């Protein structure tokens, strides 16, 4: 009886560990994807900001 319980506990523990690993991997992959998207948006907005600053300097000179 004790052996069956220990076997069941071991199998259950292994399944929980596998589930946690897979779930955490999916979360990390999603965060990495989000980070790439936000970095590209930041870069685009910084470029747009620099262009607007340049235009303001050119029009201020006239």
Protein backbone atom coordinates (compact mmCIF):
# COMPACT_ATOMS: atom_id res chain seq x y z
CA UNK A 1 0.00 0.00 0.00
CA UNK A 2 2.78 2.39 0.95
CA UNK A 3 4.65 1.58 -2.28
CA UNK A 4 1.58 2.35 -4.40
CA UNK A 5 1.13 5.68 -2.65
CA UNK A 6 4.78 6.62 -3.15
CA UNK A 7 4.58 5.64 -6.84
CA UNK A 8 1.43 7.74 -7.28
CA UNK A 9 3.04 10.69 -5.49
CA UNK A 10 6.16 10.43 -7.68
CA UNK A 11 4.16 10.31 -10.91
CA UNK A 12 1.98 13.21 -9.78
CA UNK A 13 5.05 15.28 -8.85
CA UNK A 14 6.67 14.60 -12.23
CA UNK A 15 3.51 15.67 -14.04
CA UNK A 16 3.29 18.88 -12.02
CA UNK A 17 6.93 19.72 -12.75
CA UNK A 18 6.43 19.11 -16.48
CA UNK A 19 3.31 21.29 -16.50
CA UNK A 20 5.12 24.13 -14.71
CA UNK A 21 8.06 23.94 -17.11
CA UNK A 22 5.89 24.06 -20.22
CA UNK A 23 3.70 26.83 -18.83
CA UNK A 24 6.66 29.00 -17.81
CA UNK A 25 8.30 28.49 -21.21
CA UNK A 26 5.15 29.74 -22.96
CA UNK A 27 5.01 32.79 -20.70
CA UNK A 28 8.66 33.62 -21.32
CA UNK A 29 8.22 33.25 -25.08
CA UNK A 30 5.21 35.58 -25.00
CA UNK A 31 7.13 38.20 -22.99
CA UNK A 32 10.06 38.03 -25.40
CA UNK A 33 7.69 38.57 -28.33
CA UNK A 34 6.05 41.53 -26.56
CA UNK A 35 9.47 43.04 -25.80
CA UNK A 36 10.45 42.86 -29.48
CA UNK A 37 7.20 44.55 -30.52
CA UNK A 38 7.61 47.35 -27.98
CA UNK A 39 11.27 47.89 -28.87
CA UNK A 40 10.36 48.32 -32.53
CA UNK A 41 7.59 50.79 -31.59
CA UNK A 42 9.99 52.76 -29.41
CA UNK A 43 12.56 52.90 -32.20
CA UNK A 44 9.95 54.06 -34.71
CA UNK A 45 8.67 56.78 -32.37
CA UNK A 46 12.20 57.97 -31.56
CA UNK A 47 12.95 58.27 -35.28
CA UNK A 48 9.71 60.18 -35.82
CA UNK A 49 10.56 62.47 -32.89
CA UNK A 50 14.01 63.19 -34.33
CA UNK A 51 12.50 64.00 -37.72
CA UNK A 52 10.03 66.42 -36.13
CA UNK A 53 12.82 68.11 -34.17
CA UNK A 54 14.78 68.54 -37.39
CA UNK A 55 11.76 70.04 -39.13
CA UNK A 56 11.21 72.45 -36.25
CA UNK A 57 14.83 73.60 -36.38
CA UNK A 58 14.60 74.15 -40.14
CA UNK A 59 11.36 76.17 -39.90
CA UNK A 60 12.60 78.17 -36.92
CA UNK A 61 15.52 79.43 -39.02
CA UNK A 62 13.25 81.13 -41.55
